Amino acid sequence: AAGLFGFLLSAPQVLPSLAYKSHSWR
């Protein structure tokens, strides 16, 4: 439950970051 709640809270930042990561130098 804590993991799901944490994912929902962070999704607005994490999901775009993951999409951006493929174009990043990292």
mmCIF file of all heavy atoms, coordinates in Angstrom:
data_MODEL
# 
_entry.id   MODEL 
# 
loop_
_atom_site.group_PDB 
_atom_site.id 
_atom_site.type_symbol 
_atom_site.label_atom_id 
_atom_site.label_alt_id 
_atom_site.label_comp_id 
_atom_site.label_asym_id 
_atom_site.label_entity_id 
_atom_site.label_seq_id 
_atom_site.pdbx_PDB_ins_code 
_atom_site.Cartn_x 
_atom_site.Cartn_y 
_atom_site.Cartn_z 
_atom_site.occupancy 
_atom_site.B_iso_or_equiv 
_atom_site.pdbx_formal_charge 
_atom_site.auth_seq_id 
_atom_site.auth_comp_id 
_atom_site.auth_asym_id 
_atom_site.auth_atom_id 
_atom_site.pdbx_PDB_model_num 
ATOM 1   N N   . ALA A 1 1  ? 0.829  -1.207 0.000   1.00 0.00 ? 1  ALA A N   1 
ATOM 2   C CA  . ALA A 1 1  ? 0.000  0.000  0.000   1.00 0.00 ? 1  ALA A CA  1 
ATOM 3   C C   . ALA A 1 1  ? 0.862  1.256  0.000   1.00 0.00 ? 1  ALA A C   1 
ATOM 4   O O   . ALA A 1 1  ? 0.587  2.225  -0.716  1.00 0.00 ? 1  ALA A O   1 
ATOM 5   C CB  . ALA A 1 1  ? -0.932 -0.018 1.219   1.00 0.00 ? 1  ALA A CB  1 
ATOM 6   N N   . ALA A 1 2  ? 1.929  1.239  0.822   1.00 0.00 ? 2  ALA A N   1 
ATOM 7   C CA  . ALA A 1 2  ? 2.823  2.398  0.863   1.00 0.00 ? 2  ALA A CA  1 
ATOM 8   C C   . ALA A 1 2  ? 3.524  2.591  -0.482  1.00 0.00 ? 2  ALA A C   1 
ATOM 9   O O   . ALA A 1 2  ? 3.701  3.719  -0.951  1.00 0.00 ? 2  ALA A O   1 
ATOM 10  C CB  . ALA A 1 2  ? 3.859  2.218  1.971   1.00 0.00 ? 2  ALA A CB  1 
ATOM 11  N N   . GLY A 1 3  ? 3.918  1.471  -1.118  1.00 0.00 ? 3  GLY A N   1 
ATOM 12  C CA  . GLY A 1 3  ? 4.577  1.570  -2.422  1.00 0.00 ? 3  GLY A CA  1 
ATOM 13  C C   . GLY A 1 3  ? 3.645  2.143  -3.485  1.00 0.00 ? 3  GLY A C   1 
ATOM 14  O O   . GLY A 1 3  ? 4.054  2.979  -4.299  1.00 0.00 ? 3  GLY A O   1 
ATOM 15  N N   . LEU A 1 4  ? 2.395  1.702  -3.479  1.00 0.00 ? 4  LEU A N   1 
ATOM 16  C CA  . LEU A 1 4  ? 1.422  2.212  -4.439  1.00 0.00 ? 4  LEU A CA  1 
ATOM 17  C C   . LEU A 1 4  ? 1.158  3.695  -4.203  1.00 0.00 ? 4  LEU A C   1 
ATOM 18  O O   . LEU A 1 4  ? 1.111  4.494  -5.154  1.00 0.00 ? 4  LEU A O   1 
ATOM 19  C CB  . LEU A 1 4  ? 0.122  1.426  -4.331  1.00 0.00 ? 4  LEU A CB  1 
ATOM 20  C CG  . LEU A 1 4  ? -1.031 1.901  -5.221  1.00 0.00 ? 4  LEU A CG  1 
ATOM 21  C CD1 . LEU A 1 4  ? -0.649 1.797  -6.692  1.00 0.00 ? 4  LEU A CD1 1 
ATOM 22  C CD2 . LEU A 1 4  ? -2.299 1.101  -4.926  1.00 0.00 ? 4  LEU A CD2 1 
ATOM 23  N N   . PHE A 1 5  ? 0.986  4.087  -2.947  1.00 0.00 ? 5  PHE A N   1 
ATOM 24  C CA  . PHE A 1 5  ? 0.735  5.482  -2.622  1.00 0.00 ? 5  PHE A CA  1 
ATOM 25  C C   . PHE A 1 5  ? 1.931  6.347  -3.020  1.00 0.00 ? 5  PHE A C   1 
ATOM 26  O O   . PHE A 1 5  ? 1.781  7.430  -3.581  1.00 0.00 ? 5  PHE A O   1 
ATOM 27  C CB  . PHE A 1 5  ? 0.453  5.608  -1.123  1.00 0.00 ? 5  PHE A CB  1 
ATOM 28  C CG  . PHE A 1 5  ? 0.068  6.992  -0.693  1.00 0.00 ? 5  PHE A CG  1 
ATOM 29  C CD1 . PHE A 1 5  ? -1.083 7.597  -1.193  1.00 0.00 ? 5  PHE A CD1 1 
ATOM 30  C CD2 . PHE A 1 5  ? 0.844  7.697  0.205   1.00 0.00 ? 5  PHE A CD2 1 
ATOM 31  C CE1 . PHE A 1 5  ? -1.449 8.872  -0.795  1.00 0.00 ? 5  PHE A CE1 1 
ATOM 32  C CE2 . PHE A 1 5  ? 0.492  8.983  0.604   1.00 0.00 ? 5  PHE A CE2 1 
ATOM 33  C CZ  . PHE A 1 5  ? -0.662 9.559  0.106   1.00 0.00 ? 5  PHE A CZ  1 
ATOM 34  N N   . GLY A 1 6  ? 3.131  5.852  -2.750  1.00 0.00 ? 6  GLY A N   1 
ATOM 35  C CA  . GLY A 1 6  ? 4.329  6.598  -3.133  1.00 0.00 ? 6  GLY A CA  1 
ATOM 36  C C   . GLY A 1 6  ? 4.452  6.748  -4.639  1.00 0.00 ? 6  GLY A C   1 
ATOM 37  O O   . GLY A 1 6  ? 4.852  7.808  -5.134  1.00 0.00 ? 6  GLY A O   1 
ATOM 38  N N   . PHE A 1 7  ? 4.106  5.687  -5.378  1.00 0.00 ? 7  PHE A N   1 
ATOM 39  C CA  . PHE A 1 7  ? 4.167  5.761  -6.839  1.00 0.00 ? 7  PHE A CA  1 
ATOM 40  C C   . PHE A 1 7  ? 3.185  6.795  -7.378  1.00 0.00 ? 7  PHE A C   1 
ATOM 41  O O   . PHE A 1 7  ? 3.515  7.582  -8.266  1.00 0.00 ? 7  PHE A O   1 
ATOM 42  C CB  . PHE A 1 7  ? 3.868  4.396  -7.445  1.00 0.00 ? 7  PHE A CB  1 
ATOM 43  C CG  . PHE A 1 7  ? 3.728  4.424  -8.946  1.00 0.00 ? 7  PHE A CG  1 
ATOM 44  C CD1 . PHE A 1 7  ? 4.846  4.505  -9.758  1.00 0.00 ? 7  PHE A CD1 1 
ATOM 45  C CD2 . PHE A 1 7  ? 2.477  4.410  -9.533  1.00 0.00 ? 7  PHE A CD2 1 
ATOM 46  C CE1 . PHE A 1 7  ? 4.717  4.549  -11.140 1.00 0.00 ? 7  PHE A CE1 1 
ATOM 47  C CE2 . PHE A 1 7  ? 2.332  4.455  -10.910 1.00 0.00 ? 7  PHE A CE2 1 
ATOM 48  C CZ  . PHE A 1 7  ? 3.459  4.527  -11.717 1.00 0.00 ? 7  PHE A CZ  1 
ATOM 49  N N   . LEU A 1 8  ? 1.972  6.804  -6.842  1.00 0.00 ? 8  LEU A N   1 
ATOM 50  C CA  . LEU A 1 8  ? 0.973  7.759  -7.307  1.00 0.00 ? 8  LEU A CA  1 
ATOM 51  C C   . LEU A 1 8  ? 1.403  9.194  -7.013  1.00 0.00 ? 8  LEU A C   1 
ATOM 52  O O   . LEU A 1 8  ? 1.172  10.105 -7.820  1.00 0.00 ? 8  LEU A O   1 
ATOM 53  C CB  . LEU A 1 8  ? -0.373 7.463  -6.653  1.00 0.00 ? 8  LEU A CB  1 
ATOM 54  C CG  . LEU A 1 8  ? -1.031 6.133  -7.053  1.00 0.00 ? 8  LEU A CG  1 
ATOM 55  C CD1 . LEU A 1 8  ? -2.310 5.907  -6.264  1.00 0.00 ? 8  LEU A CD1 1 
ATOM 56  C CD2 . LEU A 1 8  ? -1.320 6.098  -8.552  1.00 0.00 ? 8  LEU A CD2 1 
ATOM 57  N N   . LEU A 1 9  ? 2.022  9.412  -5.854  1.00 0.00 ? 9  LEU A N   1 
ATOM 58  C CA  . LEU A 1 9  ? 2.488  10.751 -5.511  1.00 0.00 ? 9  LEU A CA  1 
ATOM 59  C C   . LEU A 1 9  ? 3.610  11.213 -6.433  1.00 0.00 ? 9  LEU A C   1 
ATOM 60  O O   . LEU A 1 9  ? 3.690  12.379 -6.811  1.00 0.00 ? 9  LEU A O   1 
ATOM 61  C CB  . LEU A 1 9  ? 2.974  10.783 -4.054  1.00 0.00 ? 9  LEU A CB  1 
ATOM 62  C CG  . LEU A 1 9  ? 1.912  10.850 -2.958  1.00 0.00 ? 9  LEU A CG  1 
ATOM 63  C CD1 . LEU A 1 9  ? 2.577  10.776 -1.587  1.00 0.00 ? 9  LEU A CD1 1 
ATOM 64  C CD2 . LEU A 1 9  ? 1.087  12.125 -3.068  1.00 0.00 ? 9  LEU A CD2 1 
ATOM 65  N N   . SER A 1 10 ? 4.481  10.293 -6.805  1.00 0.00 ? 10 SER A N   1 
ATOM 66  C CA  . SER A 1 10 ? 5.663  10.670 -7.584  1.00 0.00 ? 10 SER A CA  1 
ATOM 67  C C   . SER A 1 10 ? 5.458  10.545 -9.087  1.00 0.00 ? 10 SER A C   1 
ATOM 68  O O   . SER A 1 10 ? 6.293  11.018 -9.859  1.00 0.00 ? 10 SER A O   1 
ATOM 69  C CB  . SER A 1 10 ? 6.857  9.794  -7.167  1.00 0.00 ? 10 SER A CB  1 
ATOM 70  O OG  . SER A 1 10 ? 6.574  8.427  -7.414  1.00 0.00 ? 10 SER A OG  1 
ATOM 71  N N   . ALA A 1 11 ? 4.367  9.911  -9.516  1.00 0.00 ? 11 ALA A N   1 
ATOM 72  C CA  . ALA A 1 11 ? 4.164  9.640  -10.940 1.00 0.00 ? 11 ALA A CA  1 
ATOM 73  C C   . ALA A 1 11 ? 4.226  10.892 -11.817 1.00 0.00 ? 11 ALA A C   1 
ATOM 74  O O   . ALA A 1 11 ? 4.814  10.851 -12.907 1.00 0.00 ? 11 ALA A O   1 
ATOM 75  C CB  . ALA A 1 11 ? 2.828  8.916  -11.148 1.00 0.00 ? 11 ALA A CB  1 
ATOM 76  N N   . PRO A 1 12 ? 3.647  12.037 -11.399 1.00 0.00 ? 12 PRO A N   1 
ATOM 77  C CA  . PRO A 1 12 ? 3.729  13.228 -12.268 1.00 0.00 ? 12 PRO A CA  1 
ATOM 78  C C   . PRO A 1 12 ? 5.153  13.659 -12.591 1.00 0.00 ? 12 PRO A C   1 
ATOM 79  O O   . PRO A 1 12 ? 5.371  14.317 -13.599 1.00 0.00 ? 12 PRO A O   1 
ATOM 80  C CB  . PRO A 1 12 ? 2.987  14.299 -11.452 1.00 0.00 ? 12 PRO A CB  1 
ATOM 81  C CG  . PRO A 1 12 ? 2.040  13.536 -10.596 1.00 0.00 ? 12 PRO A CG  1 
ATOM 82  C CD  . PRO A 1 12 ? 2.776  12.285 -10.235 1.00 0.00 ? 12 PRO A CD  1 
ATOM 83  N N   . GLN A 1 13 ? 6.113  13.313 -11.736 1.00 0.00 ? 13 GLN A N   1 
ATOM 84  C CA  . GLN A 1 13 ? 7.504  13.656 -12.034 1.00 0.00 ? 13 GLN A CA  1 
ATOM 85  C C   . GLN A 1 13 ? 8.281  12.457 -12.583 1.00 0.00 ? 13 GLN A C   1 
ATOM 86  O O   . GLN A 1 13 ? 9.096  12.593 -13.488 1.00 0.00 ? 13 GLN A O   1 
ATOM 87  C CB  . GLN A 1 13 ? 8.210  14.169 -10.776 1.00 0.00 ? 13 GLN A CB  1 
ATOM 88  C CG  . GLN A 1 13 ? 9.667  14.540 -11.027 1.00 0.00 ? 13 GLN A CG  1 
ATOM 89  C CD  . GLN A 1 13 ? 10.325 15.138 -9.800  1.00 0.00 ? 13 GLN A CD  1 
ATOM 90  O OE1 . GLN A 1 13 ? 9.667  15.389 -8.804  1.00 0.00 ? 13 GLN A OE1 1 
ATOM 91  N NE2 . GLN A 1 13 ? 11.610 15.376 -9.875  1.00 0.00 ? 13 GLN A NE2 1 
ATOM 92  N N   . VAL A 1 14 ? 8.009  11.269 -12.044 1.00 0.00 ? 14 VAL A N   1 
ATOM 93  C CA  . VAL A 1 14 ? 8.798  10.096 -12.425 1.00 0.00 ? 14 VAL A CA  1 
ATOM 94  C C   . VAL A 1 14 ? 8.506  9.671  -13.864 1.00 0.00 ? 14 VAL A C   1 
ATOM 95  O O   . VAL A 1 14 ? 9.431  9.377  -14.633 1.00 0.00 ? 14 VAL A O   1 
ATOM 96  C CB  . VAL A 1 14 ? 8.525  8.933  -11.453 1.00 0.00 ? 14 VAL A CB  1 
ATOM 97  C CG1 . VAL A 1 14 ? 9.158  7.653  -11.970 1.00 0.00 ? 14 VAL A CG1 1 
ATOM 98  C CG2 . VAL A 1 14 ? 9.075  9.267  -10.078 1.00 0.00 ? 14 VAL A CG2 1 
ATOM 99  N N   . LEU A 1 15 ? 7.245  9.619  -14.257 1.00 0.00 ? 15 LEU A N   1 
ATOM 100 C CA  . LEU A 1 15 ? 6.911  9.109  -15.587 1.00 0.00 ? 15 LEU A CA  1 
ATOM 101 C C   . LEU A 1 15 ? 7.498  9.975  -16.708 1.00 0.00 ? 15 LEU A C   1 
ATOM 102 O O   . LEU A 1 15 ? 8.095  9.448  -17.653 1.00 0.00 ? 15 LEU A O   1 
ATOM 103 C CB  . LEU A 1 15 ? 5.396  8.976  -15.729 1.00 0.00 ? 15 LEU A CB  1 
ATOM 104 C CG  . LEU A 1 15 ? 4.754  7.917  -14.805 1.00 0.00 ? 15 LEU A CG  1 
ATOM 105 C CD1 . LEU A 1 15 ? 3.253  7.843  -15.037 1.00 0.00 ? 15 LEU A CD1 1 
ATOM 106 C CD2 . LEU A 1 15 ? 5.394  6.548  -15.017 1.00 0.00 ? 15 LEU A CD2 1 
ATOM 107 N N   . PRO A 1 16 ? 7.357  11.319 -16.656 1.00 0.00 ? 16 PRO A N   1 
ATOM 108 C CA  . PRO A 1 16 ? 8.034  12.119 -17.689 1.00 0.00 ? 16 PRO A CA  1 
ATOM 109 C C   . PRO A 1 16 ? 9.557  11.972 -17.641 1.00 0.00 ? 16 PRO A C   1 
ATOM 110 O O   . PRO A 1 16 ? 10.210 12.018 -18.684 1.00 0.00 ? 16 PRO A O   1 
ATOM 111 C CB  . PRO A 1 16 ? 7.598  13.557 -17.364 1.00 0.00 ? 16 PRO A CB  1 
ATOM 112 C CG  . PRO A 1 16 ? 6.345  13.421 -16.593 1.00 0.00 ? 16 PRO A CG  1 
ATOM 113 C CD  . PRO A 1 16 ? 6.516  12.167 -15.800 1.00 0.00 ? 16 PRO A CD  1 
ATOM 114 N N   . SER A 1 17 ? 10.114 11.799 -16.441 1.00 0.00 ? 17 SER A N   1 
ATOM 115 C CA  . SER A 1 17 ? 11.562 11.632 -16.337 1.00 0.00 ? 17 SER A CA  1 
ATOM 116 C C   . SER A 1 17 ? 12.014 10.353 -17.017 1.00 0.00 ? 17 SER A C   1 
ATOM 117 O O   . SER A 1 17 ? 13.062 10.304 -17.671 1.00 0.00 ? 17 SER A O   1 
ATOM 118 C CB  . SER A 1 17 ? 11.988 11.622 -14.862 1.00 0.00 ? 17 SER A CB  1 
ATOM 119 O OG  . SER A 1 17 ? 11.673 12.846 -14.241 1.00 0.00 ? 17 SER A OG  1 
ATOM 120 N N   . LEU A 1 18 ? 11.243 9.289  -16.869 1.00 0.00 ? 18 LEU A N   1 
ATOM 121 C CA  . LEU A 1 18 ? 11.598 8.029  -17.517 1.00 0.00 ? 18 LEU A CA  1 
ATOM 122 C C   . LEU A 1 18 ? 11.518 8.162  -19.038 1.00 0.00 ? 18 LEU A C   1 
ATOM 123 O O   . LEU A 1 18 ? 12.331 7.586  -19.760 1.00 0.00 ? 18 LEU A O   1 
ATOM 124 C CB  . LEU A 1 18 ? 10.678 6.907  -17.031 1.00 0.00 ? 18 LEU A CB  1 
ATOM 125 C CG  . LEU A 1 18 ? 10.842 6.504  -15.563 1.00 0.00 ? 18 LEU A CG  1 
ATOM 126 C CD1 . LEU A 1 18 ? 9.842  5.408  -15.197 1.00 0.00 ? 18 LEU A CD1 1 
ATOM 127 C CD2 . LEU A 1 18 ? 12.265 6.029  -15.289 1.00 0.00 ? 18 LEU A CD2 1 
ATOM 128 N N   . ALA A 1 19 ? 10.535 8.916  -19.520 1.00 0.00 ? 19 ALA A N   1 
ATOM 129 C CA  . ALA A 1 19 ? 10.437 9.134  -20.960 1.00 0.00 ? 19 ALA A CA  1 
ATOM 130 C C   . ALA A 1 19 ? 11.606 9.978  -21.462 1.00 0.00 ? 19 ALA A C   1 
ATOM 131 O O   . ALA A 1 19 ? 12.104 9.780  -22.571 1.00 0.00 ? 19 ALA A O   1 
ATOM 132 C CB  . ALA A 1 19 ? 9.108  9.814  -21.284 1.00 0.00 ? 19 ALA A CB  1 
ATOM 133 N N   . TYR A 1 20 ? 12.041 10.907 -20.648 1.00 0.00 ? 20 TYR A N   1 
ATOM 134 C CA  . TYR A 1 20 ? 13.165 11.786 -21.021 1.00 0.00 ? 20 TYR A CA  1 
ATOM 135 C C   . TYR A 1 20 ? 14.493 11.044 -20.965 1.00 0.00 ? 20 TYR A C   1 
ATOM 136 O O   . TYR A 1 20 ? 15.425 11.363 -21.709 1.00 0.00 ? 20 TYR A O   1 
ATOM 137 C CB  . TYR A 1 20 ? 13.175 12.968 -20.053 1.00 0.00 ? 20 TYR A CB  1 
ATOM 138 C CG  . TYR A 1 20 ? 14.373 13.883 -20.165 1.00 0.00 ? 20 TYR A CG  1 
ATOM 139 C CD1 . TYR A 1 20 ? 14.372 14.928 -21.078 1.00 0.00 ? 20 TYR A CD1 1 
ATOM 140 C CD2 . TYR A 1 20 ? 15.495 13.715 -19.360 1.00 0.00 ? 20 TYR A CD2 1 
ATOM 141 C CE1 . TYR A 1 20 ? 15.454 15.772 -21.192 1.00 0.00 ? 20 TYR A CE1 1 
ATOM 142 C CE2 . TYR A 1 20 ? 16.580 14.557 -19.461 1.00 0.00 ? 20 TYR A CE2 1 
ATOM 143 C CZ  . TYR A 1 20 ? 16.563 15.585 -20.378 1.00 0.00 ? 20 TYR A CZ  1 
ATOM 144 O OH  . TYR A 1 20 ? 17.628 16.424 -20.492 1.00 0.00 ? 20 TYR A OH  1 
ATOM 145 N N   . LYS A 1 21 ? 14.584 10.052 -20.091 1.00 0.00 ? 21 LYS A N   1 
ATOM 146 C CA  . LYS A 1 21 ? 15.859 9.389  -19.826 1.00 0.00 ? 21 LYS A CA  1 
ATOM 147 C C   . LYS A 1 21 ? 16.474 8.769  -21.081 1.00 0.00 ? 21 LYS A C   1 
ATOM 148 O O   . LYS A 1 21 ? 17.692 8.754  -21.243 1.00 0.00 ? 21 LYS A O   1 
ATOM 149 C CB  . LYS A 1 21 ? 15.675 8.310  -18.752 1.00 0.00 ? 21 LYS A CB  1 
ATOM 150 C CG  . LYS A 1 21 ? 16.964 7.590  -18.349 1.00 0.00 ? 21 LYS A CG  1 
ATOM 151 C CD  . LYS A 1 21 ? 16.693 6.623  -17.213 1.00 0.00 ? 21 LYS A CD  1 
ATOM 152 C CE  . LYS A 1 21 ? 17.965 5.860  -16.866 1.00 0.00 ? 21 LYS A CE  1 
ATOM 153 N NZ  . LYS A 1 21 ? 18.383 4.943  -17.914 1.00 0.00 ? 21 LYS A NZ  1 
ATOM 154 N N   . SER A 1 22 ? 15.652 8.276  -21.985 1.00 0.00 ? 22 SER A N   1 
ATOM 155 C CA  . SER A 1 22 ? 16.191 7.642  -23.192 1.00 0.00 ? 22 SER A CA  1 
ATOM 156 C C   . SER A 1 22 ? 16.939 8.639  -24.070 1.00 0.00 ? 22 SER A C   1 
ATOM 157 O O   . SER A 1 22 ? 17.759 8.247  -24.901 1.00 0.00 ? 22 SER A O   1 
ATOM 158 C CB  . SER A 1 22 ? 15.066 6.976  -23.983 1.00 0.00 ? 22 SER A CB  1 
ATOM 159 O OG  . SER A 1 22 ? 14.105 7.947  -24.386 1.00 0.00 ? 22 SER A OG  1 
ATOM 160 N N   . HIS A 1 23 ? 16.664 9.936  -23.905 1.00 0.00 ? 23 HIS A N   1 
ATOM 161 C CA  . HIS A 1 23 ? 17.350 10.972 -24.684 1.00 0.00 ? 23 HIS A CA  1 
ATOM 162 C C   . HIS A 1 23 ? 18.457 11.656 -23.884 1.00 0.00 ? 23 HIS A C   1 
ATOM 163 O O   . HIS A 1 23 ? 19.116 12.556 -24.380 1.00 0.00 ? 23 HIS A O   1 
ATOM 164 C CB  . HIS A 1 23 ? 16.345 12.038 -25.141 1.00 0.00 ? 23 HIS A CB  1 
ATOM 165 C CG  . HIS A 1 23 ? 15.199 11.487 -25.917 1.00 0.00 ? 23 HIS A CG  1 
ATOM 166 N ND1 . HIS A 1 23 ? 15.320 11.060 -27.238 1.00 0.00 ? 23 HIS A ND1 1 
ATOM 167 C CD2 . HIS A 1 23 ? 13.911 11.255 -25.565 1.00 0.00 ? 23 HIS A CD2 1 
ATOM 168 C CE1 . HIS A 1 23 ? 14.144 10.626 -27.663 1.00 0.00 ? 23 HIS A CE1 1 
ATOM 169 N NE2 . HIS A 1 23 ? 13.276 10.726 -26.675 1.00 0.00 ? 23 HIS A NE2 1 
ATOM 170 N N   . SER A 1 24 ? 18.639 11.224 -22.640 1.00 0.00 ? 24 SER A N   1 
ATOM 171 C CA  . SER A 1 24 ? 19.615 11.856 -21.757 1.00 0.00 ? 24 SER A CA  1 
ATOM 172 C C   . SER A 1 24 ? 20.996 11.242 -21.956 1.00 0.00 ? 24 SER A C   1 
ATOM 173 O O   . SER A 1 24 ? 21.148 10.103 -22.413 1.00 0.00 ? 24 SER A O   1 
ATOM 174 C CB  . SER A 1 24 ? 19.173 11.692 -20.298 1.00 0.00 ? 24 SER A CB  1 
ATOM 175 O OG  . SER A 1 24 ? 20.235 11.963 -19.413 1.00 0.00 ? 24 SER A OG  1 
ATOM 176 N N   . TRP A 1 25 ? 22.023 12.001 -21.573 1.00 0.00 ? 25 TRP A N   1 
ATOM 177 C CA  . TRP A 1 25 ? 23.383 11.486 -21.682 1.00 0.00 ? 25 TRP A CA  1 
ATOM 178 C C   . TRP A 1 25 ? 23.635 10.358 -20.685 1.00 0.00 ? 25 TRP A C   1 
ATOM 179 O O   . TRP A 1 25 ? 24.622 9.634  -20.796 1.00 0.00 ? 25 TRP A O   1 
ATOM 180 C CB  . TRP A 1 25 ? 24.385 12.614 -21.477 1.00 0.00 ? 25 TRP A CB  1 
ATOM 181 C CG  . TRP A 1 25 ? 24.529 13.099 -20.062 1.00 0.00 ? 25 TRP A CG  1 
ATOM 182 C CD1 . TRP A 1 25 ? 23.637 13.822 -19.359 1.00 0.00 ? 25 TRP A CD1 1 
ATOM 183 C CD2 . TRP A 1 25 ? 25.651 12.903 -19.201 1.00 0.00 ? 25 TRP A CD2 1 
ATOM 184 N NE1 . TRP A 1 25 ? 24.114 14.099 -18.102 1.00 0.00 ? 25 TRP A NE1 1 
ATOM 185 C CE2 . TRP A 1 25 ? 25.351 13.552 -17.979 1.00 0.00 ? 25 TRP A CE2 1 
ATOM 186 C CE3 . TRP A 1 25 ? 26.881 12.257 -19.329 1.00 0.00 ? 25 TRP A CE3 1 
ATOM 187 C CZ2 . TRP A 1 25 ? 26.232 13.551 -16.907 1.00 0.00 ? 25 TRP A CZ2 1 
ATOM 188 C CZ3 . TRP A 1 25 ? 27.759 12.273 -18.257 1.00 0.00 ? 25 TRP A CZ3 1 
ATOM 189 C CH2 . TRP A 1 25 ? 27.431 12.909 -17.056 1.00 0.00 ? 25 TRP A CH2 1 
ATOM 190 N N   . ARG A 1 26 ? 22.723 10.186 -19.709 1.00 0.00 ? 26 ARG A N   1 
ATOM 191 C CA  . ARG A 1 26 ? 22.905 9.096  -18.752 1.00 0.00 ? 26 ARG A CA  1 
ATOM 192 C C   . ARG A 1 26 ? 22.359 7.769  -19.272 1.00 0.00 ? 26 ARG A C   1 
ATOM 193 O O   . ARG A 1 26 ? 22.557 6.734  -18.645 1.00 0.00 ? 26 ARG A O   1 
ATOM 194 C CB  . ARG A 1 26 ? 22.210 9.445  -17.440 1.00 0.00 ? 26 ARG A CB  1 
ATOM 195 C CG  . ARG A 1 26 ? 22.829 10.643 -16.748 1.00 0.00 ? 26 ARG A CG  1 
ATOM 196 C CD  . ARG A 1 26 ? 22.378 10.746 -15.320 1.00 0.00 ? 26 ARG A CD  1 
ATOM 197 N NE  . ARG A 1 26 ? 22.912 11.926 -14.654 1.00 0.00 ? 26 ARG A NE  1 
ATOM 198 C CZ  . ARG A 1 26 ? 22.868 12.128 -13.350 1.00 0.00 ? 26 ARG A CZ  1 
ATOM 199 N NH1 . ARG A 1 26 ? 22.303 11.229 -12.586 1.00 0.00 ? 26 ARG A NH1 1 
ATOM 200 N NH2 . ARG A 1 26 ? 23.361 13.225 -12.824 1.00 0.00 ? 26 ARG A NH2 1 
# 
